[in-house]
């Protein structure tokens, strides 16, 4: 393999890894937001992502049946429907599985989250069937960046859409956290919920909205993965959820930039390991890197060590 061809192959893996990492990063933000405020891991978050993907397939199918041919219009409608439904799921999970256990020992919400995850998975299986769902290609084509003989370095329109939408969402989220009353309330609750309540902040509403926002981001990731792969099943939430949780821990759980950084790193590790070694062991590589990072830096790459309050 020539030098230029090797560089082209490297760049192609880089594009594939960034695309995959953007999806993991969006899911990981939901984990890290919830942990940042209530110090609990929402293990049902992966199932919210899976539900978002199923809603996307259903909505796309209905729109095709209605004769909607505009891709842009279909995407806007699918994103709006998926985010709306999953937001309701996120709000309901907080009210049913977490709020009653907020003062309970940590093991109780942990078990509750696992139970909610299994319940949602079986609910989808009962209502949608156990078979995989497929979707015809919605976005086709792409941009060829460079070619040499039979080799083409390019980025597809779906990859471009995923990367640009992720950048836009991260910019919007940064503004929400840093410039809005909701963001200030979230940061206050993260530091001290009791003091935030004494200062007039509605802690319950802030936590509920955090679940809603995290669920909406998971729905966007579900729509993305539906467009990217075209096939989904009710197991995708478990594996993607585990990887996104890994990304959140790798970047430093509780840190929004850390969650996105961790997601991108996990995506890049998978893409490069699949390309240069073997796709069969890409998950092993990702989790091995996580262990190595945590041995050196237990709080993650951008995380802050917890300070024991007295």
C-alpha atoms as a PDB file:
ATOM      1  CA  UNK A   1       0.000   0.000   0.000  1.00  0.00           C
ATOM      2  CA  UNK A   2       1.395   3.373  -1.023  1.00  0.00           C
ATOM      3  CA  UNK A   3       1.875   6.193   1.450  1.00  0.00           C
ATOM      4  CA  UNK A   4      -0.916   8.334  -0.006  1.00  0.00           C
ATOM      5  CA  UNK A   5      -3.291   5.366  -0.031  1.00  0.00           C
ATOM      6  CA  UNK A   6      -2.426   4.658   3.616  1.00  0.00           C
ATOM      7  CA  UNK A   7      -3.191   8.281   4.511  1.00  0.00           C
ATOM      8  CA  UNK A   8      -6.482   8.057   2.599  1.00  0.00           C
ATOM      9  CA  UNK A   9      -7.464   4.890   4.453  1.00  0.00           C
ATOM     10  CA  UNK A  10      -6.585   6.534   7.779  1.00  0.00           C
ATOM     11  CA  UNK A  11      -8.741   9.557   6.969  1.00  0.00           C
ATOM     12  CA  UNK A  12     -11.662   7.328   5.940  1.00  0.00           C
ATOM     13  CA  UNK A  13     -11.494   5.520   9.300  1.00  0.00           C
ATOM     14  CA  UNK A  14     -11.305   8.929  10.980  1.00  0.00           C
ATOM     15  CA  UNK A  15     -14.553  10.067   9.285  1.00  0.00           C
ATOM     16  CA  UNK A  16     -16.292   6.798  10.159  1.00  0.00           C
ATOM     17  CA  UNK A  17     -15.098   7.022  13.766  1.00  0.00           C
ATOM     18  CA  UNK A  18     -16.220  10.631  14.210  1.00  0.00           C
ATOM     19  CA  UNK A  19     -19.672   9.729  12.875  1.00  0.00           C
ATOM     20  CA  UNK A  20     -20.051   6.808  15.252  1.00  0.00           C
ATOM     21  CA  UNK A  21     -18.564   8.811  18.113  1.00  0.00           C
ATOM     22  CA  UNK A  22     -21.054  11.636  17.593  1.00  0.00           C
ATOM     23  CA  UNK A  23     -23.914   9.173  18.149  1.00  0.00           C
ATOM     24  CA  UNK A  24     -22.305   7.757  21.301  1.00  0.00           C
ATOM     25  CA  UNK A  25     -21.595  11.259  22.549  1.00  0.00           C
ATOM     26  CA  UNK A  26     -25.226  12.357  22.287  1.00  0.00           C
ATOM     27  CA  UNK A  27     -26.367   9.334  24.297  1.00  0.00           C
ATOM     28  CA  UNK A  28     -23.557   9.819  26.823  1.00  0.00           C
ATOM     29  CA  UNK A  29     -24.693  13.382  27.552  1.00  0.00           C
ATOM     30  CA  UNK A  30     -27.965  11.983  28.931  1.00  0.00           C
ATOM     31  CA  UNK A  31     -26.049   9.736  31.345  1.00  0.00           C
ATOM     32  CA  UNK A  32     -23.729  12.481  32.493  1.00  0.00           C
ATOM     33  CA  UNK A  33     -26.478  15.112  32.960  1.00  0.00           C
ATOM     34  CA  UNK A  34     -28.534  12.852  35.214  1.00  0.00           C
ATOM     35  CA  UNK A  35     -25.497  11.739  37.203  1.00  0.00           C
ATOM     36  CA  UNK A  36     -24.315  15.322  37.554  1.00  0.00           C
ATOM     37  CA  UNK A  37     -27.522  16.358  39.330  1.00  0.00           C
ATOM     38  CA  UNK A  38     -28.780  13.353  41.292  1.00  0.00           C
ATOM     39  CA  UNK A  39     -25.647  11.163  41.393  1.00  0.00           C
ATOM     40  CA  UNK A  40     -27.537   8.188  39.949  1.00  0.00           C
ATOM     41  CA  UNK A  41     -26.915   6.184  36.788  1.00  0.00           C
ATOM     42  CA  UNK A  42     -29.978   6.029  34.557  1.00  0.00           C
ATOM     43  CA  UNK A  43     -29.506   2.554  33.082  1.00  0.00           C
ATOM     44  CA  UNK A  44     -32.835   2.879  31.252  1.00  0.00           C
ATOM     45  CA  UNK A  45     -31.329   5.633  29.087  1.00  0.00           C
ATOM     46  CA  UNK A  46     -30.155   3.143  26.441  1.00  0.00           C
ATOM     47  CA  UNK A  47     -33.745   1.934  26.063  1.00  0.00           C
ATOM     48  CA  UNK A  48     -34.905   5.524  25.499  1.00  0.00           C
ATOM     49  CA  UNK A  49     -32.449   5.674  22.601  1.00  0.00           C
ATOM     50  CA  UNK A  50     -33.876   2.377  21.268  1.00  0.00           C
ATOM     51  CA  UNK A  51     -37.442   3.696  21.555  1.00  0.00           C
ATOM     52  CA  UNK A  52     -36.395   6.827  19.662  1.00  0.00           C
ATOM     53  CA  UNK A  53     -35.094   4.625  16.845  1.00  0.00           C
ATOM     54  CA  UNK A  54     -38.356   2.626  16.694  1.00  0.00           C
ATOM     55  CA  UNK A  55     -40.438   5.803  16.644  1.00  0.00           C
ATOM     56  CA  UNK A  56     -38.230   7.068  13.801  1.00  0.00           C
ATOM     57  CA  UNK A  57     -38.838   3.936  11.713  1.00  0.00           C
ATOM     58  CA  UNK A  58     -42.593   4.089  12.359  1.00  0.00           C
ATOM     59  CA  UNK A  59     -42.806   7.797  11.541  1.00  0.00           C
ATOM     60  CA  UNK A  60     -40.718   7.443   8.381  1.00  0.00           C
ATOM     61  CA  UNK A  61     -42.967   4.569   7.256  1.00  0.00           C
ATOM     62  CA  UNK A  62     -46.133   6.612   7.874  1.00  0.00           C
ATOM     63  CA  UNK A  63     -44.705   9.619   6.018  1.00  0.00           C
ATOM     64  CA  UNK A  64     -43.730   7.466   3.053  1.00  0.00           C
ATOM     65  CA  UNK A  65     -47.251   6.023   3.036  1.00  0.00           C
ATOM     66  CA  UNK A  66     -48.669   9.557   3.023  1.00  0.00           C
ATOM     67  CA  UNK A  67     -46.539  10.415   0.009  1.00  0.00           C
ATOM     68  CA  UNK A  68     -44.137  12.837   1.715  1.00  0.00           C
ATOM     69  CA  UNK A  69     -41.112  12.928  -0.597  1.00  0.00           C
ATOM     70  CA  UNK A  70     -39.182  15.882   0.805  1.00  0.00           C
ATOM     71  CA  UNK A  71     -36.258  14.491   2.818  1.00  0.00           C
ATOM     72  CA  UNK A  72     -35.778  17.716   4.771  1.00  0.00           C
ATOM     73  CA  UNK A  73     -39.461  17.890   5.764  1.00  0.00           C
ATOM     74  CA  UNK A  74     -39.486  14.210   6.713  1.00  0.00           C
ATOM     75  CA  UNK A  75     -36.382  14.639   8.896  1.00  0.00           C
ATOM     76  CA  UNK A  76     -37.854  17.623  10.730  1.00  0.00           C
ATOM     77  CA  UNK A  77     -41.110  15.765  11.408  1.00  0.00           C
ATOM     78  CA  UNK A  78     -39.341  12.553  12.490  1.00  0.00           C
ATOM     79  CA  UNK A  79     -36.986  14.415  14.826  1.00  0.00           C
ATOM     80  CA  UNK A  80     -39.877  16.371  16.347  1.00  0.00           C
ATOM     81  CA  UNK A  81     -42.041  13.272  16.868  1.00  0.00           C
ATOM     82  CA  UNK A  82     -39.206  11.144  18.260  1.00  0.00           C
ATOM     83  CA  UNK A  83     -38.016  13.855  20.654  1.00  0.00           C
ATOM     84  CA  UNK A  84     -41.562  14.557  21.857  1.00  0.00           C
ATOM     85  CA  UNK A  85     -42.400  10.931  22.617  1.00  0.00           C
ATOM     86  CA  UNK A  86     -39.079  10.122  24.270  1.00  0.00           C
ATOM     87  CA  UNK A  87     -39.296  13.312  26.338  1.00  0.00           C
ATOM     88  CA  UNK A  88     -42.518  11.929  27.809  1.00  0.00           C
ATOM     89  CA  UNK A  89     -40.754   8.622  28.493  1.00  0.00           C
ATOM     90  CA  UNK A  90     -37.859  10.431  30.177  1.00  0.00           C
ATOM     91  CA  UNK A  91     -40.197  12.475  32.359  1.00  0.00           C
ATOM     92  CA  UNK A  92     -42.192   9.355  33.296  1.00  0.00           C
ATOM     93  CA  UNK A  93     -39.068   7.368  34.204  1.00  0.00           C
ATOM     94  CA  UNK A  94     -37.938  10.109  36.562  1.00  0.00           C
ATOM     95  CA  UNK A  95     -41.340  10.273  38.252  1.00  0.00           C
ATOM     96  CA  UNK A  96     -41.830   6.507  38.523  1.00  0.00           C
ATOM     97  CA  UNK A  97     -38.373   5.001  39.002  1.00  0.00           C
ATOM     98  CA  UNK A  98     -36.185   7.725  40.520  1.00  0.00           C
ATOM     99  CA  UNK A  99     -38.079  10.417  42.414  1.00  0.00           C
ATOM    100  CA  UNK A 100     -39.609   8.040  44.993  1.00  0.00           C
ATOM    101  CA  UNK A 101     -36.120   6.594  45.643  1.00  0.00           C
ATOM    102  CA  UNK A 102     -34.131   9.816  45.740  1.00  0.00           C
ATOM    103  CA  UNK A 103     -33.422   9.510  49.465  1.00  0.00           C
ATOM    104  CA  UNK A 104     -33.100   5.712  49.442  1.00  0.00           C
ATOM    105  CA  UNK A 105     -29.784   3.834  49.653  1.00  0.00           C
ATOM    106  CA  UNK A 106     -27.900   3.882  46.335  1.00  0.00           C
ATOM    107  CA  UNK A 107     -28.614   0.229  45.611  1.00  0.00           C
ATOM    108  CA  UNK A 108     -32.396   0.842  45.404  1.00  0.00           C
ATOM    109  CA  UNK A 109     -32.387   3.260  42.418  1.00  0.00           C
ATOM    110  CA  UNK A 110     -29.730   1.096  40.778  1.00  0.00           C
ATOM    111  CA  UNK A 111     -32.070  -1.920  40.870  1.00  0.00           C
ATOM    112  CA  UNK A 112     -35.003   0.270  39.866  1.00  0.00           C
ATOM    113  CA  UNK A 113     -33.100   1.526  36.803  1.00  0.00           C
ATOM    114  CA  UNK A 114     -32.248  -1.999  35.676  1.00  0.00           C
ATOM    115  CA  UNK A 115     -35.870  -3.053  36.163  1.00  0.00           C
ATOM    116  CA  UNK A 116     -37.086  -0.078  34.132  1.00  0.00           C
ATOM    117  CA  UNK A 117     -34.604  -0.939  31.375  1.00  0.00           C
ATOM    118  CA  UNK A 118     -35.890  -4.529  31.144  1.00  0.00           C
ATOM    119  CA  UNK A 119     -39.517  -3.366  31.282  1.00  0.00           C
ATOM    120  CA  UNK A 120     -39.024  -0.915  28.400  1.00  0.00           C
ATOM    121  CA  UNK A 121     -37.181  -3.503  26.330  1.00  0.00           C
ATOM    122  CA  UNK A 122     -39.979  -6.032  26.751  1.00  0.00           C
ATOM    123  CA  UNK A 123     -42.636  -3.385  26.143  1.00  0.00           C
ATOM    124  CA  UNK A 124     -41.098  -2.610  22.737  1.00  0.00           C
ATOM    125  CA  UNK A 125     -40.753  -6.309  21.941  1.00  0.00           C
ATOM    126  CA  UNK A 126     -44.434  -6.913  22.752  1.00  0.00           C
ATOM    127  CA  UNK A 127     -45.729  -3.918  20.811  1.00  0.00           C
ATOM    128  CA  UNK A 128     -43.350  -4.016  17.817  1.00  0.00           C
ATOM    129  CA  UNK A 129     -42.527  -7.714  17.587  1.00  0.00           C
ATOM    130  CA  UNK A 130     -39.217  -9.482  18.097  1.00  0.00           C
ATOM    131  CA  UNK A 131     -38.019  -9.126  14.510  1.00  0.00           C
ATOM    132  CA  UNK A 132     -35.650  -6.440  13.310  1.00  0.00           C
ATOM    133  CA  UNK A 133     -37.106  -3.370  11.638  1.00  0.00           C
ATOM    134  CA  UNK A 134     -35.597  -2.002   8.458  1.00  0.00           C
ATOM    135  CA  UNK A 135     -35.884   1.288   6.665  1.00  0.00           C
ATOM    136  CA  UNK A 136     -35.144   2.016   2.993  1.00  0.00           C
ATOM    137  CA  UNK A 137     -32.279   4.495   2.460  1.00  0.00           C
ATOM    138  CA  UNK A 138     -33.589   7.990   3.118  1.00  0.00           C
ATOM    139  CA  UNK A 139     -30.434   9.961   2.416  1.00  0.00           C
ATOM    140  CA  UNK A 140     -28.169   8.812  -0.388  1.00  0.00           C
ATOM    141  CA  UNK A 141     -25.102  10.152  -2.106  1.00  0.00           C
ATOM    142  CA  UNK A 142     -22.081  11.875  -0.694  1.00  0.00           C
ATOM    143  CA  UNK A 143     -18.983  13.900  -1.415  1.00  0.00           C
ATOM    144  CA  UNK A 144     -15.790  12.393  -2.831  1.00  0.00           C
ATOM    145  CA  UNK A 145     -12.867  14.159  -1.194  1.00  0.00           C
ATOM    146  CA  UNK A 146     -10.052  12.333  -2.962  1.00  0.00           C
ATOM    147  CA  UNK A 147      -9.591   9.265  -5.150  1.00  0.00           C
ATOM    148  CA  UNK A 148      -6.659   7.170  -6.270  1.00  0.00           C
ATOM    149  CA  UNK A 149      -7.474   4.368  -8.697  1.00  0.00           C
ATOM    150  CA  UNK A 150     -10.217   2.246  -7.157  1.00  0.00           C
ATOM    151  CA  UNK A 151      -9.916   3.923  -3.756  1.00  0.00           C
ATOM    152  CA  UNK A 152     -12.303   6.788  -2.933  1.00  0.00           C
ATOM    153  CA  UNK A 153     -12.028   8.911   0.185  1.00  0.00           C
ATOM    154  CA  UNK A 154     -15.436  10.388   0.850  1.00  0.00           C
ATOM    155  CA  UNK A 155     -18.088  11.378   3.308  1.00  0.00           C
ATOM    156  CA  UNK A 156     -21.703  10.376   2.773  1.00  0.00           C
ATOM    157  CA  UNK A 157     -24.559  12.815   3.172  1.00  0.00           C
ATOM    158  CA  UNK A 158     -25.771  10.879   6.229  1.00  0.00           C
ATOM    159  CA  UNK A 159     -22.340  11.159   7.888  1.00  0.00           C
ATOM    160  CA  UNK A 160     -22.240  14.864   7.117  1.00  0.00           C
ATOM    161  CA  UNK A 161     -25.754  15.301   8.533  1.00  0.00           C
ATOM    162  CA  UNK A 162     -24.858  13.424  11.740  1.00  0.00           C
ATOM    163  CA  UNK A 163     -21.656  15.402  12.348  1.00  0.00           C
ATOM    164  CA  UNK A 164     -23.182  18.824  11.596  1.00  0.00           C
ATOM    165  CA  UNK A 165     -26.308  18.141  13.684  1.00  0.00           C
ATOM    166  CA  UNK A 166     -24.151  16.994  16.606  1.00  0.00           C
ATOM    167  CA  UNK A 167     -22.039  20.162  16.429  1.00  0.00           C
ATOM    168  CA  UNK A 168     -25.201  22.304  16.324  1.00  0.00           C
ATOM    169  CA  UNK A 169     -26.743  20.456  19.287  1.00  0.00           C
ATOM    170  CA  UNK A 170     -23.551  20.771  21.333  1.00  0.00           C
ATOM    171  CA  UNK A 171     -23.426  24.511  20.621  1.00  0.00           C
ATOM    172  CA  UNK A 172     -27.091  24.858  21.593  1.00  0.00           C
ATOM    173  CA  UNK A 173     -26.629  22.833  24.755  1.00  0.00           C
ATOM    174  CA  UNK A 174     -23.619  24.890  25.784  1.00  0.00           C
ATOM    175  CA  UNK A 175     -25.732  28.040  25.456  1.00  0.00           C
ATOM    176  CA  UNK A 176     -28.563  26.456  27.474  1.00  0.00           C
ATOM    177  CA  UNK A 177     -26.216  25.433  30.301  1.00  0.00           C
ATOM    178  CA  UNK A 178     -24.259  28.695  30.421  1.00  0.00           C
ATOM    179  CA  UNK A 179     -26.807  31.378  29.490  1.00  0.00           C
ATOM    180  CA  UNK A 180     -30.302  30.306  30.574  1.00  0.00           C
ATOM    181  CA  UNK A 181     -32.178  30.116  33.874  1.00  0.00           C
ATOM    182  CA  UNK A 182     -32.558  26.358  33.416  1.00  0.00           C
ATOM    183  CA  UNK A 183     -28.794  25.971  32.999  1.00  0.00           C
ATOM    184  CA  UNK A 184     -28.131  28.020  36.137  1.00  0.00           C
ATOM    185  CA  UNK A 185     -30.675  25.920  38.044  1.00  0.00           C
ATOM    186  CA  UNK A 186     -29.000  22.724  36.821  1.00  0.00           C
ATOM    187  CA  UNK A 187     -25.574  23.930  37.893  1.00  0.00           C
ATOM    188  CA  UNK A 188     -26.939  24.979  41.279  1.00  0.00           C
ATOM    189  CA  UNK A 189     -28.615  21.591  41.815  1.00  0.00           C
ATOM    190  CA  UNK A 190     -25.396  19.872  40.795  1.00  0.00           C
ATOM    191  CA  UNK A 191     -23.491  21.676  43.540  1.00  0.00           C
ATOM    192  CA  UNK A 192     -26.029  21.448  46.367  1.00  0.00           C
ATOM    193  CA  UNK A 193     -29.716  20.553  45.928  1.00  0.00           C
ATOM    194  CA  UNK A 194     -30.681  21.646  49.449  1.00  0.00           C
ATOM    195  CA  UNK A 195     -29.109  25.072  49.082  1.00  0.00           C
ATOM    196  CA  UNK A 196     -30.616  25.435  45.597  1.00  0.00           C
ATOM    197  CA  UNK A 197     -34.094  24.749  47.048  1.00  0.00           C
ATOM    198  CA  UNK A 198     -33.523  27.331  49.810  1.00  0.00           C
ATOM    199  CA  UNK A 199     -32.661  29.874  47.126  1.00  0.00           C
ATOM    200  CA  UNK A 200     -36.018  29.318  45.430  1.00  0.00           C
ATOM    201  CA  UNK A 201     -35.039  26.898  42.687  1.00  0.00           C
ATOM    202  CA  UNK A 202     -37.648  24.251  41.897  1.00  0.00           C
ATOM    203  CA  UNK A 203     -35.377  21.230  42.246  1.00  0.00           C
ATOM    204  CA  UNK A 204     -37.978  18.653  41.201  1.00  0.00           C
ATOM    205  CA  UNK A 205     -38.786  20.525  38.000  1.00  0.00           C
ATOM    206  CA  UNK A 206     -35.083  21.009  37.223  1.00  0.00           C
ATOM    207  CA  UNK A 207     -34.397  17.295  37.601  1.00  0.00           C
ATOM    208  CA  UNK A 208     -37.454  16.394  35.477  1.00  0.00           C
ATOM    209  CA  UNK A 209     -36.332  18.761  32.716  1.00  0.00           C
ATOM    210  CA  UNK A 210     -32.855  17.232  32.844  1.00  0.00           C
ATOM    211  CA  UNK A 211     -34.366  13.799  32.177  1.00  0.00           C
ATOM    212  CA  UNK A 212     -36.483  15.294  29.372  1.00  0.00           C
ATOM    213  CA  UNK A 213     -33.484  16.941  27.682  1.00  0.00           C
ATOM    214  CA  UNK A 214     -31.377  13.791  27.983  1.00  0.00           C
ATOM    215  CA  UNK A 215     -34.191  11.690  26.501  1.00  0.00           C
ATOM    216  CA  UNK A 216     -34.584  14.124  23.577  1.00  0.00           C
ATOM    217  CA  UNK A 217     -30.868  13.857  22.790  1.00  0.00           C
ATOM    218  CA  UNK A 218     -31.106  10.054  22.941  1.00  0.00           C
ATOM    219  CA  UNK A 219     -34.000  10.249  20.460  1.00  0.00           C
ATOM    220  CA  UNK A 220     -31.856  12.294  18.072  1.00  0.00           C
ATOM    221  CA  UNK A 221     -29.167   9.612  18.356  1.00  0.00           C
ATOM    222  CA  UNK A 222     -31.839   6.974  17.651  1.00  0.00           C
ATOM    223  CA  UNK A 223     -32.930   8.797  14.501  1.00  0.00           C
ATOM    224  CA  UNK A 224     -29.290   9.077  13.417  1.00  0.00           C
ATOM    225  CA  UNK A 225     -28.544   5.391  13.875  1.00  0.00           C
ATOM    226  CA  UNK A 226     -31.737   4.491  11.999  1.00  0.00           C
ATOM    227  CA  UNK A 227     -30.653   6.602   9.044  1.00  0.00           C
ATOM    228  CA  UNK A 228     -27.055   5.372   9.229  1.00  0.00           C
ATOM    229  CA  UNK A 229     -27.589   1.607   9.455  1.00  0.00           C
ATOM    230  CA  UNK A 230     -31.174   1.222   8.221  1.00  0.00           C
ATOM    231  CA  UNK A 231     -31.831  -1.737  10.544  1.00  0.00           C
ATOM    232  CA  UNK A 232     -32.742  -1.726  14.238  1.00  0.00           C
ATOM    233  CA  UNK A 233     -33.944  -4.185  16.859  1.00  0.00           C
ATOM    234  CA  UNK A 234     -34.966  -3.917  20.489  1.00  0.00           C
ATOM    235  CA  UNK A 235     -31.474  -4.991  21.698  1.00  0.00           C
ATOM    236  CA  UNK A 236     -29.659  -1.944  20.289  1.00  0.00           C
ATOM    237  CA  UNK A 237     -30.358   0.049  23.434  1.00  0.00           C
ATOM    238  CA  UNK A 238     -28.357  -2.247  25.702  1.00  0.00           C
ATOM    239  CA  UNK A 239     -25.096  -2.286  23.749  1.00  0.00           C
ATOM    240  CA  UNK A 240     -25.219   1.350  22.675  1.00  0.00           C
ATOM    241  CA  UNK A 241     -26.189   2.315  26.214  1.00  0.00           C
ATOM    242  CA  UNK A 242     -23.221   0.438  27.668  1.00  0.00           C
ATOM    243  CA  UNK A 243     -20.855   2.083  25.203  1.00  0.00           C
ATOM    244  CA  UNK A 244     -22.314   5.519  25.843  1.00  0.00           C
ATOM    245  CA  UNK A 245     -22.042   4.959  29.588  1.00  0.00           C
ATOM    246  CA  UNK A 246     -18.435   3.917  28.990  1.00  0.00           C
ATOM    247  CA  UNK A 247     -17.925   7.122  27.007  1.00  0.00           C
ATOM    248  CA  UNK A 248     -19.372   9.187  29.858  1.00  0.00           C
ATOM    249  CA  UNK A 249     -17.063   7.504  32.371  1.00  0.00           C
ATOM    250  CA  UNK A 250     -14.062   7.798  30.043  1.00  0.00           C
ATOM    251  CA  UNK A 251     -14.621  11.523  29.526  1.00  0.00           C
ATOM    252  CA  UNK A 252     -15.417  12.115  33.198  1.00  0.00           C
ATOM    253  CA  UNK A 253     -18.999  11.467  34.258  1.00  0.00           C
ATOM    254  CA  UNK A 254     -20.734  14.707  35.187  1.00  0.00           C
ATOM    255  CA  UNK A 255     -18.878  16.674  32.489  1.00  0.00           C
ATOM    256  CA  UNK A 256     -20.762  17.541  29.260  1.00  0.00           C
ATOM    257  CA  UNK A 257     -17.593  18.174  27.189  1.00  0.00           C
ATOM    258  CA  UNK A 258     -16.175  15.002  28.713  1.00  0.00           C
ATOM    259  CA  UNK A 259     -19.206  12.975  27.575  1.00  0.00           C
ATOM    260  CA  UNK A 260     -18.806  14.149  23.980  1.00  0.00           C
ATOM    261  CA  UNK A 261     -15.028  13.648  24.108  1.00  0.00           C
ATOM    262  CA  UNK A 262     -15.503  10.135  25.492  1.00  0.00           C
ATOM    263  CA  UNK A 263     -18.071   9.344  22.784  1.00  0.00           C
ATOM    264  CA  UNK A 264     -15.744  10.494  20.023  1.00  0.00           C
ATOM    265  CA  UNK A 265     -12.858   8.482  21.482  1.00  0.00           C
ATOM    266  CA  UNK A 266     -14.966   5.321  21.716  1.00  0.00           C
ATOM    267  CA  UNK A 267     -16.128   5.812  18.116  1.00  0.00           C
ATOM    268  CA  UNK A 268     -12.581   6.374  16.875  1.00  0.00           C
ATOM    269  CA  UNK A 269     -11.219   3.363  18.780  1.00  0.00           C
ATOM    270  CA  UNK A 270     -13.911   1.141  17.250  1.00  0.00           C
ATOM    271  CA  UNK A 271     -13.382   2.462  13.729  1.00  0.00           C
ATOM    272  CA  UNK A 272      -9.587   2.190  13.765  1.00  0.00           C
ATOM    273  CA  UNK A 273      -9.565  -1.188  15.511  1.00  0.00           C
ATOM    274  CA  UNK A 274     -12.112  -2.540  13.010  1.00  0.00           C
ATOM    275  CA  UNK A 275     -10.123  -1.157  10.103  1.00  0.00           C
ATOM    276  CA  UNK A 276      -6.622  -2.183  11.111  1.00  0.00           C
ATOM    277  CA  UNK A 277      -7.078  -5.205  13.413  1.00  0.00           C
ATOM    278  CA  UNK A 278     -10.476  -6.931  13.588  1.00  0.00           C
ATOM    279  CA  UNK A 279     -14.062  -5.777  13.944  1.00  0.00           C
ATOM    280  CA  UNK A 280     -14.772  -8.840  16.096  1.00  0.00           C
ATOM    281  CA  UNK A 281     -12.745  -7.370  18.996  1.00  0.00           C
ATOM    282  CA  UNK A 282     -13.592  -3.669  18.668  1.00  0.00           C
ATOM    283  CA  UNK A 283     -15.675  -3.727  21.871  1.00  0.00           C
ATOM    284  CA  UNK A 284     -12.811  -5.381  23.751  1.00  0.00           C
ATOM    285  CA  UNK A 285     -10.480  -2.620  22.559  1.00  0.00           C
ATOM    286  CA  UNK A 286     -12.867   0.146  23.669  1.00  0.00           C
ATOM    287  CA  UNK A 287     -13.360  -1.294  27.159  1.00  0.00           C
ATOM    288  CA  UNK A 288      -9.614  -2.018  27.509  1.00  0.00           C
ATOM    289  CA  UNK A 289      -8.819   1.635  26.796  1.00  0.00           C
ATOM    290  CA  UNK A 290     -11.430   2.616  29.398  1.00  0.00           C
ATOM    291  CA  UNK A 291      -9.726   0.448  32.026  1.00  0.00           C
ATOM    292  CA  UNK A 292      -6.294   1.861  31.196  1.00  0.00           C
ATOM    293  CA  UNK A 293      -7.524   5.454  31.428  1.00  0.00           C
ATOM    294  CA  UNK A 294      -9.322   4.851  34.724  1.00  0.00           C
ATOM    295  CA  UNK A 295      -6.232   3.211  36.227  1.00  0.00           C
ATOM    296  CA  UNK A 296      -4.238   6.369  35.486  1.00  0.00           C
ATOM    297  CA  UNK A 297      -7.066   8.894  35.999  1.00  0.00           C
ATOM    298  CA  UNK A 298     -10.029   7.476  37.988  1.00  0.00           C
ATOM    299  CA  UNK A 299     -12.180  10.598  37.483  1.00  0.00           C
ATOM    300  CA  UNK A 300     -11.955  10.341  33.679  1.00  0.00           C
ATOM    301  CA  UNK A 301     -10.253  12.618  31.175  1.00  0.00           C
ATOM    302  CA  UNK A 302     -12.187  15.820  32.001  1.00  0.00           C
ATOM    303  CA  UNK A 303     -13.864  14.788  35.265  1.00  0.00           C
ATOM    304  CA  UNK A 304     -13.264  16.291  38.670  1.00  0.00           C
ATOM    305  CA  UNK A 305     -12.681  14.077  41.698  1.00  0.00           C
ATOM    306  CA  UNK A 306     -15.610  14.001  44.136  1.00  0.00           C
ATOM    307  CA  UNK A 307     -14.979  15.902  47.347  1.00  0.00           C
ATOM    308  CA  UNK A 308     -16.385  14.273  50.448  1.00  0.00           C
ATOM    309  CA  UNK A 309     -18.605  16.831  52.210  1.00  0.00           C
ATOM    310  CA  UNK A 310     -18.535  17.006  56.010  1.00  0.00           C
END
